[in-house]
Amino acid sequence: MKTVILIPCYNESKTIEKVVLSFKKQMPHAEIYVYDNNSTDGSDILARNSGATVCYEYKQGKGNVIKSMFRDIDADCYIMVDGDDTYPAEQAIEFERYIINGQADMVIGDRLSSTYFNENDRLFHNTGNKLVRKFINLFFKSDLKDIMTGMRAFNYNFVKSFPISSEEFEIETEMTVFALMNNFIIKEIPIQYKNRVEGSESKLNTYSDGFKVLMMIFALIRDERPLLFFTFVSLILLIISGIYFFPILLKYFSTGYVLQIPTLIVISTVVIISALTFFVGVILHVLKRQHAENLERHLILLNELKSNDK
């Protein structure tokens, strides 16, 4: 069984050497790949000198890096970890065990249940983690503790069926939602998170990246739950129409005259748009179900191809 360690890297010269050596020590049987994303501080040289295989992704953004990783590499177990030395290499064996034994399709390193809030002093960043977690759990009826962690493990089926659309740091949330939507088995393991070393700077921007995550969640809900999404939009339009229509109706009952004809025309238009919106949701819901069936067939084919290769 082949295990690979995947490390996306952008200007991590302070820590990348230690990360590579730590994983080599804990998992000597695993192949370590560092994907450099236009670093200017010599991170790639340090990684190569430490024994990692260094590859390059020139399109900027963590999502683009992970897309290349998943496309390029075939393995039974993929362990992904950031190159900033904030995640524990010694727990990677436990991640691997769940994947190799078939007990999980994706293993999540849960920072938020252990040391994250003590180690991370960015108040709004912490608040954003909590809000995204609550929203995802509420909408998808799950009970995950850490939605946006950077340490995860995956099996072959997940990696080869995950259609990555995010280009930057919202990729972690997209992974989680994809797993929830397609009934992949998720296992969470509490991990000991530690803050960045002095001189190492986070690439995350609390506000701009937080906004991108929220927009990505909105898009995923629209794409993954189209019937619910478009039914909600349709109801909003009907409520707005009702607010303007009932005063005109009451006036008609009391006077016998239909007033505000232009307003009635607009209301009728909005009602028609509401009906069309609902039926768009119905059509997209049917297409989504067909997509889910296609994904299932794709997974069966992947397993057959994998068995033939062996």
C-alpha atoms as a PDB file:
ATOM      1  CA  MET A   1       0.000   0.000   0.000  1.00  0.00           C
ATOM      2  CA  LYS A   2       1.425   3.335  -1.076  1.00  0.00           C
ATOM      3  CA  THR A   3       1.232   6.400   1.190  1.00  0.00           C
ATOM      4  CA  VAL A   4       2.233   9.895   0.112  1.00  0.00           C
ATOM      5  CA  ILE A   5       2.674  13.098   2.105  1.00  0.00           C
ATOM      6  CA  LEU A   6       1.547  16.163   0.161  1.00  0.00           C
ATOM      7  CA  ILE A   7       2.840  19.562   1.301  1.00  0.00           C
ATOM      8  CA  PRO A   8       1.671  22.725  -0.469  1.00  0.00           C
ATOM      9  CA  CYS A   9       4.355  25.366  -0.015  1.00  0.00           C
ATOM     10  CA  TYR A  10       4.592  29.104  -0.554  1.00  0.00           C
ATOM     11  CA  ASN A  11       7.486  30.961   1.112  1.00  0.00           C
ATOM     12  CA  GLU A  12       7.919  28.584   4.066  1.00  0.00           C
ATOM     13  CA  SER A  13      11.731  28.654   4.321  1.00  0.00           C
ATOM     14  CA  LYS A  14      11.526  29.025   8.106  1.00  0.00           C
ATOM     15  CA  THR A  15       9.747  25.712   8.557  1.00  0.00           C
ATOM     16  CA  ILE A  16       9.637  23.528   5.431  1.00  0.00           C
ATOM     17  CA  GLU A  17      12.865  21.660   6.254  1.00  0.00           C
ATOM     18  CA  LYS A  18      11.609  20.738   9.705  1.00  0.00           C
ATOM     19  CA  VAL A  19       8.241  19.604   8.344  1.00  0.00           C
ATOM     20  CA  VAL A  20       9.829  17.302   5.754  1.00  0.00           C
ATOM     21  CA  LEU A  21      12.301  15.806   8.237  1.00  0.00           C
ATOM     22  CA  SER A  22       9.560  15.282  10.850  1.00  0.00           C
ATOM     23  CA  PHE A  23       7.408  13.305   8.431  1.00  0.00           C
ATOM     24  CA  LYS A  24      10.401  11.331   7.172  1.00  0.00           C
ATOM     25  CA  LYS A  25      11.126  10.331  10.757  1.00  0.00           C
ATOM     26  CA  GLN A  26       7.551   9.396  11.620  1.00  0.00           C
ATOM     27  CA  MET A  27       6.677   7.754   8.290  1.00  0.00           C
ATOM     28  CA  PRO A  28       9.860   6.521   6.583  1.00  0.00           C
ATOM     29  CA  HIS A  29       7.789   4.341   4.241  1.00  0.00           C
ATOM     30  CA  ALA A  30       5.903   7.298   2.770  1.00  0.00           C
ATOM     31  CA  GLU A  31       6.884   9.348  -0.260  1.00  0.00           C
ATOM     32  CA  ILE A  32       7.004  13.086   0.457  1.00  0.00           C
ATOM     33  CA  TYR A  33       6.028  15.624  -2.205  1.00  0.00           C
ATOM     34  CA  VAL A  34       6.436  19.362  -1.758  1.00  0.00           C
ATOM     35  CA  TYR A  35       4.543  21.421  -4.329  1.00  0.00           C
ATOM     36  CA  ASP A  36       6.133  24.846  -4.524  1.00  0.00           C
ATOM     37  CA  ASN A  37       3.790  27.679  -5.485  1.00  0.00           C
ATOM     38  CA  ASN A  38       6.135  30.434  -6.738  1.00  0.00           C
ATOM     39  CA  SER A  39       8.182  30.747  -3.549  1.00  0.00           C
ATOM     40  CA  THR A  40      10.864  33.437  -3.605  1.00  0.00           C
ATOM     41  CA  ASP A  41      12.717  32.498  -0.392  1.00  0.00           C
ATOM     42  CA  GLY A  42      14.351  29.226  -1.457  1.00  0.00           C
ATOM     43  CA  SER A  43      11.746  26.958   0.114  1.00  0.00           C
ATOM     44  CA  ASP A  44      12.000  24.531  -2.804  1.00  0.00           C
ATOM     45  CA  ILE A  45      15.771  24.123  -2.378  1.00  0.00           C
ATOM     46  CA  LEU A  46      15.428  23.465   1.345  1.00  0.00           C
ATOM     47  CA  ALA A  47      12.685  20.908   0.733  1.00  0.00           C
ATOM     48  CA  ARG A  48      14.723  19.078  -1.911  1.00  0.00           C
ATOM     49  CA  ASN A  49      17.819  19.027   0.288  1.00  0.00           C
ATOM     50  CA  SER A  50      15.698  17.535   3.070  1.00  0.00           C
ATOM     51  CA  GLY A  51      14.763  14.565   0.898  1.00  0.00           C
ATOM     52  CA  ALA A  52      11.396  15.588  -0.538  1.00  0.00           C
ATOM     53  CA  THR A  53      10.390  15.351  -4.179  1.00  0.00           C
ATOM     54  CA  VAL A  54       9.762  18.933  -5.259  1.00  0.00           C
ATOM     55  CA  CYS A  55       7.186  19.772  -7.916  1.00  0.00           C
ATOM     56  CA  TYR A  56       6.031  23.180  -9.121  1.00  0.00           C
ATOM     57  CA  GLU A  57       2.634  24.774  -9.610  1.00  0.00           C
ATOM     58  CA  TYR A  58       2.856  28.210 -11.205  1.00  0.00           C
ATOM     59  CA  LYS A  59      -0.814  29.178 -10.931  1.00  0.00           C
ATOM     60  CA  GLN A  60      -0.985  30.976  -7.608  1.00  0.00           C
ATOM     61  CA  GLY A  61      -3.327  29.677  -4.933  1.00  0.00           C
ATOM     62  CA  LYS A  62      -3.607  26.682  -2.635  1.00  0.00           C
ATOM     63  CA  GLY A  63      -6.569  25.294  -4.549  1.00  0.00           C
ATOM     64  CA  ASN A  64      -4.534  25.235  -7.753  1.00  0.00           C
ATOM     65  CA  VAL A  65      -1.708  23.448  -5.942  1.00  0.00           C
ATOM     66  CA  ILE A  66      -3.986  20.749  -4.540  1.00  0.00           C
ATOM     67  CA  LYS A  67      -5.609  20.270  -7.940  1.00  0.00           C
ATOM     68  CA  SER A  68      -2.184  19.488  -9.410  1.00  0.00           C
ATOM     69  CA  MET A  69      -1.296  17.183  -6.518  1.00  0.00           C
ATOM     70  CA  PHE A  70      -4.474  15.157  -6.874  1.00  0.00           C
ATOM     71  CA  ARG A  71      -4.143  14.988 -10.650  1.00  0.00           C
ATOM     72  CA  ASP A  72      -0.476  13.991 -10.717  1.00  0.00           C
ATOM     73  CA  ILE A  73      -0.114  11.400  -7.957  1.00  0.00           C
ATOM     74  CA  ASP A  74      -1.607   7.927  -7.535  1.00  0.00           C
ATOM     75  CA  ALA A  75      -1.558   6.361  -4.077  1.00  0.00           C
ATOM     76  CA  ASP A  76      -3.666   4.394  -1.613  1.00  0.00           C
ATOM     77  CA  CYS A  77      -3.381   6.994   1.140  1.00  0.00           C
ATOM     78  CA  TYR A  78      -2.811  10.720   0.732  1.00  0.00           C
ATOM     79  CA  ILE A  79      -1.863  12.816   3.751  1.00  0.00           C
ATOM     80  CA  MET A  80      -1.991  16.554   3.146  1.00  0.00           C
ATOM     81  CA  VAL A  81      -0.380  18.994   5.559  1.00  0.00           C
ATOM     82  CA  ASP A  82       0.667  22.645   5.435  1.00  0.00           C
ATOM     83  CA  GLY A  83       4.343  23.514   5.341  1.00  0.00           C
ATOM     84  CA  ASP A  84       4.204  25.948   8.269  1.00  0.00           C
ATOM     85  CA  ASP A  85       5.015  23.431  11.043  1.00  0.00           C
ATOM     86  CA  THR A  86       1.751  23.967  12.885  1.00  0.00           C
ATOM     87  CA  TYR A  87       0.529  20.360  12.543  1.00  0.00           C
ATOM     88  CA  PRO A  88       1.918  17.257  14.344  1.00  0.00           C
ATOM     89  CA  ALA A  89       3.740  14.729  12.164  1.00  0.00           C
ATOM     90  CA  GLU A  90       3.549  12.116  14.928  1.00  0.00           C
ATOM     91  CA  GLN A  91      -0.229  11.770  14.465  1.00  0.00           C
ATOM     92  CA  ALA A  92       0.007  11.051  10.737  1.00  0.00           C
ATOM     93  CA  ILE A  93       0.285   7.288  11.388  1.00  0.00           C
ATOM     94  CA  GLU A  94      -3.180   7.348  12.942  1.00  0.00           C
ATOM     95  CA  PHE A  95      -4.531   9.173   9.887  1.00  0.00           C
ATOM     96  CA  GLU A  96      -2.973   6.565   7.619  1.00  0.00           C
ATOM     97  CA  ARG A  97      -4.433   3.684   9.599  1.00  0.00           C
ATOM     98  CA  TYR A  98      -8.025   4.854   9.144  1.00  0.00           C
ATOM     99  CA  ILE A  99      -7.541   5.262   5.394  1.00  0.00           C
ATOM    100  CA  ILE A 100      -5.652   2.013   4.759  1.00  0.00           C
ATOM    101  CA  ASN A 101      -8.122  -0.016   6.853  1.00  0.00           C
ATOM    102  CA  GLY A 102     -11.044   1.442   4.900  1.00  0.00           C
ATOM    103  CA  GLN A 103     -12.582   3.058   7.974  1.00  0.00           C
ATOM    104  CA  ALA A 104     -12.697   6.527   6.400  1.00  0.00           C
ATOM    105  CA  ASP A 105     -12.601   8.232   3.013  1.00  0.00           C
ATOM    106  CA  MET A 106     -11.349  11.469   4.546  1.00  0.00           C
ATOM    107  CA  VAL A 107      -9.690  12.004   7.921  1.00  0.00           C
ATOM    108  CA  ILE A 108      -9.777  15.510   9.402  1.00  0.00           C
ATOM    109  CA  GLY A 109      -7.257  16.851  11.884  1.00  0.00           C
ATOM    110  CA  ASP A 110      -9.462  18.581  14.441  1.00  0.00           C
ATOM    111  CA  ARG A 111      -7.593  21.626  15.793  1.00  0.00           C
ATOM    112  CA  LEU A 112     -10.565  23.398  17.333  1.00  0.00           C
ATOM    113  CA  SER A 113     -11.228  20.751  19.999  1.00  0.00           C
ATOM    114  CA  SER A 114      -7.684  20.908  21.343  1.00  0.00           C
ATOM    115  CA  THR A 115      -5.126  23.731  21.274  1.00  0.00           C
ATOM    116  CA  TYR A 116      -6.152  25.969  18.373  1.00  0.00           C
ATOM    117  CA  PHE A 117      -7.854  28.749  20.309  1.00  0.00           C
ATOM    118  CA  ASN A 118      -4.987  28.929  22.798  1.00  0.00           C
ATOM    119  CA  GLU A 119      -2.270  28.983  20.143  1.00  0.00           C
ATOM    120  CA  ASN A 120      -3.958  31.219  17.575  1.00  0.00           C
ATOM    121  CA  ASP A 121      -4.336  34.834  18.704  1.00  0.00           C
ATOM    122  CA  ARG A 122      -6.223  36.166  15.658  1.00  0.00           C
ATOM    123  CA  LEU A 123      -9.628  36.923  17.210  1.00  0.00           C
ATOM    124  CA  PHE A 124     -11.638  37.425  14.019  1.00  0.00           C
ATOM    125  CA  HIS A 125     -10.011  34.398  12.404  1.00  0.00           C
ATOM    126  CA  ASN A 126     -11.133  32.264  15.345  1.00  0.00           C
ATOM    127  CA  THR A 127     -14.641  33.709  15.160  1.00  0.00           C
ATOM    128  CA  GLY A 128     -14.784  32.946  11.429  1.00  0.00           C
ATOM    129  CA  ASN A 129     -13.852  29.312  12.064  1.00  0.00           C
ATOM    130  CA  LYS A 130     -16.712  28.982  14.547  1.00  0.00           C
ATOM    131  CA  LEU A 131     -19.276  30.642  12.278  1.00  0.00           C
ATOM    132  CA  VAL A 132     -18.395  28.525   9.244  1.00  0.00           C
ATOM    133  CA  ARG A 133     -18.498  25.378  11.379  1.00  0.00           C
ATOM    134  CA  LYS A 134     -21.946  26.222  12.779  1.00  0.00           C
ATOM    135  CA  PHE A 135     -23.341  27.104   9.374  1.00  0.00           C
ATOM    136  CA  ILE A 136     -22.061  23.932   7.670  1.00  0.00           C
ATOM    137  CA  ASN A 137     -23.248  21.699  10.507  1.00  0.00           C
ATOM    138  CA  LEU A 138     -26.680  23.326  10.542  1.00  0.00           C
ATOM    139  CA  PHE A 139     -27.237  23.195   6.810  1.00  0.00           C
ATOM    140  CA  PHE A 140     -25.792  19.737   6.145  1.00  0.00           C
ATOM    141  CA  LYS A 141     -27.014  18.200   9.434  1.00  0.00           C
ATOM    142  CA  SER A 142     -23.523  17.169  10.485  1.00  0.00           C
ATOM    143  CA  ASP A 143     -21.494  17.475  13.670  1.00  0.00           C
ATOM    144  CA  LEU A 144     -17.996  18.269  12.474  1.00  0.00           C
ATOM    145  CA  LYS A 145     -15.628  20.080  14.806  1.00  0.00           C
ATOM    146  CA  ASP A 146     -13.156  21.612  12.323  1.00  0.00           C
ATOM    147  CA  ILE A 147     -14.200  22.548   8.801  1.00  0.00           C
ATOM    148  CA  MET A 148     -11.089  24.381   7.574  1.00  0.00           C
ATOM    149  CA  THR A 149      -8.157  22.403   8.976  1.00  0.00           C
ATOM    150  CA  GLY A 150      -5.027  22.044   6.845  1.00  0.00           C
ATOM    151  CA  MET A 151      -4.150  18.484   7.915  1.00  0.00           C
ATOM    152  CA  ARG A 152      -6.203  15.773   6.246  1.00  0.00           C
ATOM    153  CA  ALA A 153      -5.916  12.287   4.811  1.00  0.00           C
ATOM    154  CA  PHE A 154      -7.795  10.869   1.820  1.00  0.00           C
ATOM    155  CA  ASN A 155      -8.233   7.600   0.013  1.00  0.00           C
ATOM    156  CA  TYR A 156      -7.837   7.094  -3.726  1.00  0.00           C
ATOM    157  CA  ASN A 157     -11.559   7.309  -4.503  1.00  0.00           C
ATOM    158  CA  PHE A 158     -11.974  10.687  -2.826  1.00  0.00           C
ATOM    159  CA  VAL A 159      -8.933  12.229  -4.492  1.00  0.00           C
ATOM    160  CA  LYS A 160      -9.821  11.068  -7.989  1.00  0.00           C
ATOM    161  CA  SER A 161     -13.500  12.042  -7.785  1.00  0.00           C
ATOM    162  CA  PHE A 162     -13.145  15.467  -6.123  1.00  0.00           C
ATOM    163  CA  PRO A 163     -13.861  18.203  -8.728  1.00  0.00           C
ATOM    164  CA  ILE A 164     -11.855  21.133  -7.359  1.00  0.00           C
ATOM    165  CA  SER A 165     -13.250  24.544  -8.227  1.00  0.00           C
ATOM    166  CA  SER A 166     -11.630  26.699  -5.525  1.00  0.00           C
ATOM    167  CA  GLU A 167      -8.331  28.358  -6.350  1.00  0.00           C
ATOM    168  CA  GLU A 168      -7.290  29.586  -2.921  1.00  0.00           C
ATOM    169  CA  PHE A 169      -7.749  28.881   0.793  1.00  0.00           C
ATOM    170  CA  GLU A 170     -11.467  28.091   0.586  1.00  0.00           C
ATOM    171  CA  ILE A 171     -10.406  24.687  -0.756  1.00  0.00           C
ATOM    172  CA  GLU A 172     -10.601  23.068   2.724  1.00  0.00           C
ATOM    173  CA  THR A 173     -14.252  24.041   3.124  1.00  0.00           C
ATOM    174  CA  GLU A 174     -15.010  22.767  -0.368  1.00  0.00           C
ATOM    175  CA  MET A 175     -13.450  19.390   0.510  1.00  0.00           C
ATOM    176  CA  THR A 176     -15.613  19.079   3.606  1.00  0.00           C
ATOM    177  CA  VAL A 177     -18.847  20.001   1.826  1.00  0.00           C
ATOM    178  CA  PHE A 178     -18.081  17.626  -1.064  1.00  0.00           C
ATOM    179  CA  ALA A 179     -17.551  14.768   1.384  1.00  0.00           C
ATOM    180  CA  LEU A 180     -20.788  15.555   3.221  1.00  0.00           C
ATOM    181  CA  MET A 181     -22.812  15.876   0.034  1.00  0.00           C
ATOM    182  CA  ASN A 182     -21.619  12.586  -1.447  1.00  0.00           C
ATOM    183  CA  ASN A 183     -21.771  10.421   1.686  1.00  0.00           C
ATOM    184  CA  PHE A 184     -18.051   9.866   2.026  1.00  0.00           C
ATOM    185  CA  ILE A 185     -17.039   8.560   5.434  1.00  0.00           C
ATOM    186  CA  ILE A 186     -15.414  11.313   7.514  1.00  0.00           C
ATOM    187  CA  LYS A 187     -13.349  10.650  10.616  1.00  0.00           C
ATOM    188  CA  GLU A 188     -12.130  13.437  12.894  1.00  0.00           C
ATOM    189  CA  ILE A 189      -9.014  13.108  15.038  1.00  0.00           C
ATOM    190  CA  PRO A 190      -8.148  15.803  17.621  1.00  0.00           C
ATOM    191  CA  ILE A 191      -4.648  17.099  16.935  1.00  0.00           C
ATOM    192  CA  GLN A 192      -2.255  19.327  18.853  1.00  0.00           C
ATOM    193  CA  TYR A 193      -2.049  22.522  16.841  1.00  0.00           C
ATOM    194  CA  LYS A 194       0.766  24.978  17.485  1.00  0.00           C
ATOM    195  CA  ASN A 195       1.198  28.559  16.371  1.00  0.00           C
ATOM    196  CA  ARG A 196       3.641  29.575  13.651  1.00  0.00           C
ATOM    197  CA  VAL A 197       7.276  30.034  14.573  1.00  0.00           C
ATOM    198  CA  GLU A 198       8.557  33.581  14.948  1.00  0.00           C
ATOM    199  CA  GLY A 199       9.258  35.153  11.573  1.00  0.00           C
ATOM    200  CA  SER A 200       6.834  32.881   9.720  1.00  0.00           C
ATOM    201  CA  GLU A 201       3.817  34.767   8.405  1.00  0.00           C
ATOM    202  CA  SER A 202       0.382  33.407   7.571  1.00  0.00           C
ATOM    203  CA  LYS A 203      -0.780  33.793   3.969  1.00  0.00           C
ATOM    204  CA  LEU A 204      -4.406  34.049   5.112  1.00  0.00           C
ATOM    205  CA  ASN A 205      -6.276  37.343   5.130  1.00  0.00           C
ATOM    206  CA  THR A 206      -9.062  37.119   7.701  1.00  0.00           C
ATOM    207  CA  TYR A 207     -11.487  39.378   5.843  1.00  0.00           C
ATOM    208  CA  SER A 208     -10.883  38.753   2.134  1.00  0.00           C
ATOM    209  CA  ASP A 209     -10.393  34.983   2.524  1.00  0.00           C
ATOM    210  CA  GLY A 210     -13.336  34.804   4.936  1.00  0.00           C
ATOM    211  CA  PHE A 211     -15.541  36.511   2.350  1.00  0.00           C
ATOM    212  CA  LYS A 212     -14.362  34.035  -0.315  1.00  0.00           C
ATOM    213  CA  VAL A 213     -15.239  31.123   1.968  1.00  0.00           C
ATOM    214  CA  LEU A 214     -18.749  32.504   2.540  1.00  0.00           C
ATOM    215  CA  MET A 215     -19.293  33.049  -1.193  1.00  0.00           C
ATOM    216  CA  MET A 216     -18.048  29.528  -1.884  1.00  0.00           C
ATOM    217  CA  ILE A 217     -20.461  28.091   0.697  1.00  0.00           C
ATOM    218  CA  PHE A 218     -23.301  30.073  -0.919  1.00  0.00           C
ATOM    219  CA  ALA A 219     -22.363  28.684  -4.355  1.00  0.00           C
ATOM    220  CA  LEU A 220     -22.112  25.125  -3.026  1.00  0.00           C
ATOM    221  CA  ILE A 221     -25.563  25.351  -1.450  1.00  0.00           C
ATOM    222  CA  ARG A 222     -26.958  26.630  -4.737  1.00  0.00           C
ATOM    223  CA  ASP A 223     -25.243  23.831  -6.682  1.00  0.00           C
ATOM    224  CA  GLU A 224     -25.653  20.962  -4.218  1.00  0.00           C
ATOM    225  CA  ARG A 225     -29.140  21.757  -2.835  1.00  0.00           C
ATOM    226  CA  PRO A 226     -30.808  23.436  -5.829  1.00  0.00           C
ATOM    227  CA  LEU A 227     -34.388  22.527  -4.909  1.00  0.00           C
ATOM    228  CA  LEU A 228     -34.057  23.977  -1.413  1.00  0.00           C
ATOM    229  CA  PHE A 229     -32.170  27.040  -2.629  1.00  0.00           C
ATOM    230  CA  PHE A 230     -34.532  27.971  -5.466  1.00  0.00           C
ATOM    231  CA  THR A 231     -37.633  27.154  -3.423  1.00  0.00           C
ATOM    232  CA  PHE A 232     -36.387  29.600  -0.793  1.00  0.00           C
ATOM    233  CA  VAL A 233     -35.802  32.282  -3.452  1.00  0.00           C
ATOM    234  CA  SER A 234     -39.248  31.599  -4.903  1.00  0.00           C
ATOM    235  CA  LEU A 235     -40.883  32.001  -1.478  1.00  0.00           C
ATOM    236  CA  ILE A 236     -39.082  35.295  -0.893  1.00  0.00           C
ATOM    237  CA  LEU A 237     -40.419  36.612  -4.197  1.00  0.00           C
ATOM    238  CA  LEU A 238     -43.947  35.453  -3.322  1.00  0.00           C
ATOM    239  CA  ILE A 239     -43.780  37.144   0.071  1.00  0.00           C
ATOM    240  CA  ILE A 240     -42.653  40.413  -1.516  1.00  0.00           C
ATOM    241  CA  SER A 241     -45.503  40.136  -4.028  1.00  0.00           C
ATOM    242  CA  GLY A 242     -48.003  39.486  -1.243  1.00  0.00           C
ATOM    243  CA  ILE A 243     -46.862  42.507   0.735  1.00  0.00           C
ATOM    244  CA  TYR A 244     -47.740  44.769  -2.206  1.00  0.00           C
ATOM    245  CA  PHE A 245     -50.778  42.810  -3.449  1.00  0.00           C
ATOM    246  CA  PHE A 246     -52.925  42.515  -0.311  1.00  0.00           C
ATOM    247  CA  PRO A 247     -53.338  46.292   0.258  1.00  0.00           C
ATOM    248  CA  ILE A 248     -54.597  46.578  -3.338  1.00  0.00           C
ATOM    249  CA  LEU A 249     -56.945  43.610  -2.753  1.00  0.00           C
ATOM    250  CA  LEU A 250     -58.344  45.114   0.463  1.00  0.00           C
ATOM    251  CA  LYS A 251     -58.871  48.429  -1.325  1.00  0.00           C
ATOM    252  CA  TYR A 252     -60.808  46.605  -4.038  1.00  0.00           C
ATOM    253  CA  PHE A 253     -63.109  44.924  -1.470  1.00  0.00           C
ATOM    254  CA  SER A 254     -63.836  48.237   0.237  1.00  0.00           C
ATOM    255  CA  THR A 255     -64.259  50.477  -2.837  1.00  0.00           C
ATOM    256  CA  GLY A 256     -64.923  48.151  -5.741  1.00  0.00           C
ATOM    257  CA  TYR A 257     -62.107  49.763  -7.709  1.00  0.00           C
ATOM    258  CA  VAL A 258     -58.819  48.283  -8.801  1.00  0.00           C
ATOM    259  CA  LEU A 259     -56.177  50.893  -8.098  1.00  0.00           C
ATOM    260  CA  GLN A 260     -52.409  50.958  -8.783  1.00  0.00           C
ATOM    261  CA  ILE A 261     -52.575  49.068 -12.071  1.00  0.00           C
ATOM    262  CA  PRO A 262     -48.806  49.486 -12.757  1.00  0.00           C
ATOM    263  CA  THR A 263     -48.045  47.947  -9.352  1.00  0.00           C
ATOM    264  CA  LEU A 264     -50.299  44.982 -10.172  1.00  0.00           C
ATOM    265  CA  ILE A 265     -48.452  44.441 -13.439  1.00  0.00           C
ATOM    266  CA  VAL A 266     -45.127  44.381 -11.586  1.00  0.00           C
ATOM    267  CA  ILE A 267     -46.571  42.008  -8.966  1.00  0.00           C
ATOM    268  CA  SER A 268     -47.799  39.642 -11.693  1.00  0.00           C
ATOM    269  CA  THR A 269     -44.362  39.666 -13.269  1.00  0.00           C
ATOM    270  CA  VAL A 270     -42.702  38.851  -9.944  1.00  0.00           C
ATOM    271  CA  VAL A 271     -45.138  35.953  -9.354  1.00  0.00           C
ATOM    272  CA  ILE A 272     -44.322  34.532 -12.793  1.00  0.00           C
ATOM    273  CA  ILE A 273     -40.588  34.854 -12.043  1.00  0.00           C
ATOM    274  CA  SER A 274     -41.175  33.107  -8.697  1.00  0.00           C
ATOM    275  CA  ALA A 275     -42.893  30.172 -10.429  1.00  0.00           C
ATOM    276  CA  LEU A 276     -40.118  29.920 -13.008  1.00  0.00           C
ATOM    277  CA  THR A 277     -37.511  30.019 -10.233  1.00  0.00           C
ATOM    278  CA  PHE A 278     -39.188  27.118  -8.446  1.00  0.00           C
ATOM    279  CA  PHE A 279     -39.274  24.979 -11.605  1.00  0.00           C
ATOM    280  CA  VAL A 280     -35.609  25.793 -12.262  1.00  0.00           C
ATOM    281  CA  GLY A 281     -34.929  24.319  -8.816  1.00  0.00           C
ATOM    282  CA  VAL A 282     -36.908  21.191  -9.679  1.00  0.00           C
ATOM    283  CA  ILE A 283     -35.011  20.673 -12.942  1.00  0.00           C
ATOM    284  CA  LEU A 284     -31.622  21.226 -11.297  1.00  0.00           C
ATOM    285  CA  HIS A 285     -32.601  18.837  -8.489  1.00  0.00           C
ATOM    286  CA  VAL A 286     -33.233  16.088 -11.043  1.00  0.00           C
ATOM    287  CA  LEU A 287     -29.903  16.833 -12.742  1.00  0.00           C
ATOM    288  CA  LYS A 288     -28.161  16.748  -9.368  1.00  0.00           C
ATOM    289  CA  ARG A 289     -29.568  13.288  -8.669  1.00  0.00           C
ATOM    290  CA  GLN A 290     -28.314  12.119 -12.046  1.00  0.00           C
ATOM    291  CA  HIS A 291     -24.910  13.587 -11.211  1.00  0.00           C
ATOM    292  CA  ALA A 292     -24.881  11.634  -7.929  1.00  0.00           C
ATOM    293  CA  GLU A 293     -25.648   8.430  -9.839  1.00  0.00           C
ATOM    294  CA  ASN A 294     -22.850   9.211 -12.299  1.00  0.00           C
ATOM    295  CA  LEU A 295     -20.444   9.777  -9.413  1.00  0.00           C
ATOM    296  CA  GLU A 296     -21.354   6.382  -7.972  1.00  0.00           C
ATOM    297  CA  ARG A 297     -20.656   4.732 -11.320  1.00  0.00           C
ATOM    298  CA  HIS A 298     -17.387   6.671 -11.519  1.00  0.00           C
ATOM    299  CA  LEU A 299     -16.324   5.318  -8.111  1.00  0.00           C
ATOM    300  CA  ILE A 300     -17.161   1.761  -9.161  1.00  0.00           C
ATOM    301  CA  LEU A 301     -15.069   2.222 -12.312  1.00  0.00           C
ATOM    302  CA  LEU A 302     -12.187   3.629 -10.265  1.00  0.00           C
ATOM    303  CA  ASN A 303     -12.219   0.580  -8.023  1.00  0.00           C
ATOM    304  CA  GLU A 304     -12.257  -1.745 -11.029  1.00  0.00           C
ATOM    305  CA  LEU A 305      -9.324   0.071 -12.644  1.00  0.00           C
ATOM    306  CA  LYS A 306      -7.416   0.039  -9.379  1.00  0.00           C
ATOM    307  CA  SER A 307      -8.004  -3.716  -8.984  1.00  0.00           C
ATOM    308  CA  ASN A 308      -6.846  -4.371 -12.557  1.00  0.00           C
ATOM    309  CA  ASP A 309      -3.667  -2.343 -11.971  1.00  0.00           C
ATOM    310  CA  LYS A 310      -2.862  -4.463  -8.926  1.00  0.00           C
END
